[in-house]
Amino acid sequence: MTPTLWHNPKCSTSRKVLDALRERGLEPVVVEYLKTPPDRATLQTVLAEMGAGPVAILRRKGNDALLADEPAGGYSDAALIDRMVQHPVLIERPILRTAKGTVLCRPVERWQEVV
């Protein structure tokens, strides 16, 4: 599997991960997920690869308006996935997928776990 990076070029953490991969001699498939958002099935696959629920990759920072109607007990996993598909800015980045696994690279050094 060619490494794939869900990337936002405006994000310094995302740029650092991309630079680190390239310094290691790896050229990942770069998916600017804000321009090409994942569909529901892809998002579910990534979460399964991570062994995590959608709250693990929820980006709350700067997204108060998109989360203003959050129920007191939080969104269900299905509702949160639907919201992330509709508003990919809610997906935290960068996410790195390789044959060894899938991780949210926060902190930056987490990319090393799957390379």
C-alpha atoms as a PDB file:
ATOM      1  CA  MET A   1       0.000   0.000   0.000  1.00  0.00           C
ATOM      2  CA  THR A   2       1.395   3.377  -0.980  1.00  0.00           C
ATOM      3  CA  PRO A   3       1.263   5.736   2.007  1.00  0.00           C
ATOM      4  CA  THR A   4      -1.671   8.128   1.798  1.00  0.00           C
ATOM      5  CA  LEU A   5      -1.796  11.402   3.699  1.00  0.00           C
ATOM      6  CA  TRP A   6      -5.033  13.261   4.351  1.00  0.00           C
ATOM      7  CA  HIS A   7      -3.532  16.712   4.195  1.00  0.00           C
ATOM      8  CA  ASN A   8      -4.394  20.364   4.591  1.00  0.00           C
ATOM      9  CA  PRO A   9      -1.579  22.513   3.160  1.00  0.00           C
ATOM     10  CA  LYS A  10      -2.610  25.400   5.433  1.00  0.00           C
ATOM     11  CA  CYS A  11      -1.914  23.281   8.535  1.00  0.00           C
ATOM     12  CA  SER A  12       1.637  23.431   9.894  1.00  0.00           C
ATOM     13  CA  THR A  13       1.349  19.989  11.501  1.00  0.00           C
ATOM     14  CA  SER A  14       0.225  18.507   8.212  1.00  0.00           C
ATOM     15  CA  ARG A  15       3.104  20.176   6.361  1.00  0.00           C
ATOM     16  CA  LYS A  16       5.587  18.886   8.947  1.00  0.00           C
ATOM     17  CA  VAL A  17       4.378  15.312   8.499  1.00  0.00           C
ATOM     18  CA  LEU A  18       4.582  15.591   4.716  1.00  0.00           C
ATOM     19  CA  ASP A  19       8.110  17.011   4.961  1.00  0.00           C
ATOM     20  CA  ALA A  20       9.167  14.245   7.365  1.00  0.00           C
ATOM     21  CA  LEU A  21       7.867  11.555   5.026  1.00  0.00           C
ATOM     22  CA  ARG A  22       9.672  13.081   2.072  1.00  0.00           C
ATOM     23  CA  GLU A  23      12.900  13.378   4.100  1.00  0.00           C
ATOM     24  CA  ARG A  24      12.525   9.644   4.766  1.00  0.00           C
ATOM     25  CA  GLY A  25      12.363   9.095   0.996  1.00  0.00           C
ATOM     26  CA  LEU A  26       8.629   8.423   0.892  1.00  0.00           C
ATOM     27  CA  GLU A  27       6.300  10.163  -1.512  1.00  0.00           C
ATOM     28  CA  PRO A  28       2.779   9.632  -0.214  1.00  0.00           C
ATOM     29  CA  VAL A  29      -0.411  10.048  -2.156  1.00  0.00           C
ATOM     30  CA  VAL A  30      -1.543  13.437  -0.875  1.00  0.00           C
ATOM     31  CA  VAL A  31      -5.282  13.834  -0.490  1.00  0.00           C
ATOM     32  CA  GLU A  32      -6.382  17.384   0.174  1.00  0.00           C
ATOM     33  CA  TYR A  33      -9.457  16.137   1.950  1.00  0.00           C
ATOM     34  CA  LEU A  34     -11.079  19.571   2.123  1.00  0.00           C
ATOM     35  CA  LYS A  35     -11.094  19.683  -1.688  1.00  0.00           C
ATOM     36  CA  THR A  36     -11.762  15.963  -2.149  1.00  0.00           C
ATOM     37  CA  PRO A  37     -13.663  14.873   0.956  1.00  0.00           C
ATOM     38  CA  PRO A  38     -13.983  11.208   1.851  1.00  0.00           C
ATOM     39  CA  ASP A  39     -17.314   9.519   1.383  1.00  0.00           C
ATOM     40  CA  ARG A  40     -19.021   7.734   4.261  1.00  0.00           C
ATOM     41  CA  ALA A  41     -17.580   4.310   3.379  1.00  0.00           C
ATOM     42  CA  THR A  42     -14.013   5.647   3.170  1.00  0.00           C
ATOM     43  CA  LEU A  43     -14.350   7.482   6.460  1.00  0.00           C
ATOM     44  CA  GLN A  44     -15.691   4.340   8.124  1.00  0.00           C
ATOM     45  CA  THR A  45     -12.800   2.307   6.679  1.00  0.00           C
ATOM     46  CA  VAL A  46     -10.239   4.773   8.027  1.00  0.00           C
ATOM     47  CA  LEU A  47     -11.849   4.713  11.462  1.00  0.00           C
ATOM     48  CA  ALA A  48     -11.855   0.903  11.430  1.00  0.00           C
ATOM     49  CA  GLU A  49      -8.166   0.907  10.468  1.00  0.00           C
ATOM     50  CA  MET A  50      -7.512   3.193  13.426  1.00  0.00           C
ATOM     51  CA  GLY A  51      -9.679   1.143  15.761  1.00  0.00           C
ATOM     52  CA  ALA A  52     -11.396   4.368  16.748  1.00  0.00           C
ATOM     53  CA  GLY A  53     -14.723   6.107  16.683  1.00  0.00           C
ATOM     54  CA  PRO A  54     -15.328   9.395  14.897  1.00  0.00           C
ATOM     55  CA  VAL A  55     -14.855  11.473  18.041  1.00  0.00           C
ATOM     56  CA  ALA A  56     -11.152  10.470  17.918  1.00  0.00           C
ATOM     57  CA  ILE A  57     -10.685  12.494  14.725  1.00  0.00           C
ATOM     58  CA  LEU A  58     -13.176  15.294  15.417  1.00  0.00           C
ATOM     59  CA  ARG A  59     -11.656  18.740  14.949  1.00  0.00           C
ATOM     60  CA  ARG A  60     -13.508  21.074  17.284  1.00  0.00           C
ATOM     61  CA  LYS A  61     -11.086  23.998  16.972  1.00  0.00           C
ATOM     62  CA  GLY A  62     -12.654  26.711  14.841  1.00  0.00           C
ATOM     63  CA  ASN A  63     -15.811  24.710  14.220  1.00  0.00           C
ATOM     64  CA  ASP A  64     -18.152  26.013  16.916  1.00  0.00           C
ATOM     65  CA  ALA A  65     -20.825  27.015  14.398  1.00  0.00           C
ATOM     66  CA  LEU A  66     -20.868  23.532  12.821  1.00  0.00           C
ATOM     67  CA  LEU A  67     -21.175  21.909  16.242  1.00  0.00           C
ATOM     68  CA  ALA A  68     -23.564  24.402  17.854  1.00  0.00           C
ATOM     69  CA  ASP A  69     -26.503  21.997  17.779  1.00  0.00           C
ATOM     70  CA  GLU A  70     -24.599  19.147  19.433  1.00  0.00           C
ATOM     71  CA  PRO A  71     -26.908  17.224  21.762  1.00  0.00           C
ATOM     72  CA  ALA A  72     -26.121  17.217  25.499  1.00  0.00           C
ATOM     73  CA  GLY A  73     -24.861  13.629  25.309  1.00  0.00           C
ATOM     74  CA  GLY A  74     -22.890  14.287  22.119  1.00  0.00           C
ATOM     75  CA  TYR A  75     -23.564  13.099  18.608  1.00  0.00           C
ATOM     76  CA  SER A  76     -24.035   9.419  17.885  1.00  0.00           C
ATOM     77  CA  ASP A  77     -21.212   7.893  15.846  1.00  0.00           C
ATOM     78  CA  ALA A  78     -23.478   7.694  12.797  1.00  0.00           C
ATOM     79  CA  ALA A  79     -24.552  11.332  13.119  1.00  0.00           C
ATOM     80  CA  LEU A  80     -20.966  12.486  13.603  1.00  0.00           C
ATOM     81  CA  ILE A  81     -19.795  10.559  10.525  1.00  0.00           C
ATOM     82  CA  ASP A  82     -22.637  12.099   8.512  1.00  0.00           C
ATOM     83  CA  ARG A  83     -21.612  15.549   9.708  1.00  0.00           C
ATOM     84  CA  MET A  84     -17.935  14.916   8.843  1.00  0.00           C
ATOM     85  CA  VAL A  85     -18.869  13.771   5.354  1.00  0.00           C
ATOM     86  CA  GLN A  86     -20.970  16.896   4.876  1.00  0.00           C
ATOM     87  CA  HIS A  87     -18.367  19.191   6.505  1.00  0.00           C
ATOM     88  CA  PRO A  88     -14.879  17.654   6.092  1.00  0.00           C
ATOM     89  CA  VAL A  89     -13.365  20.585   8.020  1.00  0.00           C
ATOM     90  CA  LEU A  90     -14.576  18.642  11.078  1.00  0.00           C
ATOM     91  CA  ILE A  91     -11.974  15.947  10.368  1.00  0.00           C
ATOM     92  CA  GLU A  92      -8.727  16.468  12.261  1.00  0.00           C
ATOM     93  CA  ARG A  93      -5.544  16.228  10.241  1.00  0.00           C
ATOM     94  CA  PRO A  94      -3.163  14.918   9.164  1.00  0.00           C
ATOM     95  CA  ILE A  95      -4.168  11.265   8.908  1.00  0.00           C
ATOM     96  CA  LEU A  96      -1.582   8.870   7.521  1.00  0.00           C
ATOM     97  CA  ARG A  97      -2.558   5.488   6.062  1.00  0.00           C
ATOM     98  CA  THR A  98       0.078   2.841   5.310  1.00  0.00           C
ATOM     99  CA  ALA A  99       0.275  -0.927   5.077  1.00  0.00           C
ATOM    100  CA  LYS A 100       1.338  -0.926   8.749  1.00  0.00           C
ATOM    101  CA  GLY A 101      -1.676   1.045   9.974  1.00  0.00           C
ATOM    102  CA  THR A 102      -3.511   4.331  10.100  1.00  0.00           C
ATOM    103  CA  VAL A 103      -2.864   7.148  12.562  1.00  0.00           C
ATOM    104  CA  LEU A 104      -3.843  10.701  13.287  1.00  0.00           C
ATOM    105  CA  CYS A 105      -0.431  12.398  13.324  1.00  0.00           C
ATOM    106  CA  ARG A 106      -0.929  14.473  16.431  1.00  0.00           C
ATOM    107  CA  PRO A 107       1.642  14.856  17.718  1.00  0.00           C
ATOM    108  CA  VAL A 108       3.662  15.026  14.513  1.00  0.00           C
ATOM    109  CA  GLU A 109       5.907  12.122  15.499  1.00  0.00           C
ATOM    110  CA  ARG A 110       3.049   9.609  15.329  1.00  0.00           C
ATOM    111  CA  TRP A 111       3.766   9.102  11.602  1.00  0.00           C
ATOM    112  CA  GLN A 112       6.721   6.965  12.684  1.00  0.00           C
ATOM    113  CA  GLU A 113       4.352   4.359  14.164  1.00  0.00           C
ATOM    114  CA  VAL A 114       3.164   3.263  10.726  1.00  0.00           C
ATOM    115  CA  VAL A 115       6.205   3.791   8.471  1.00  0.00           C
END
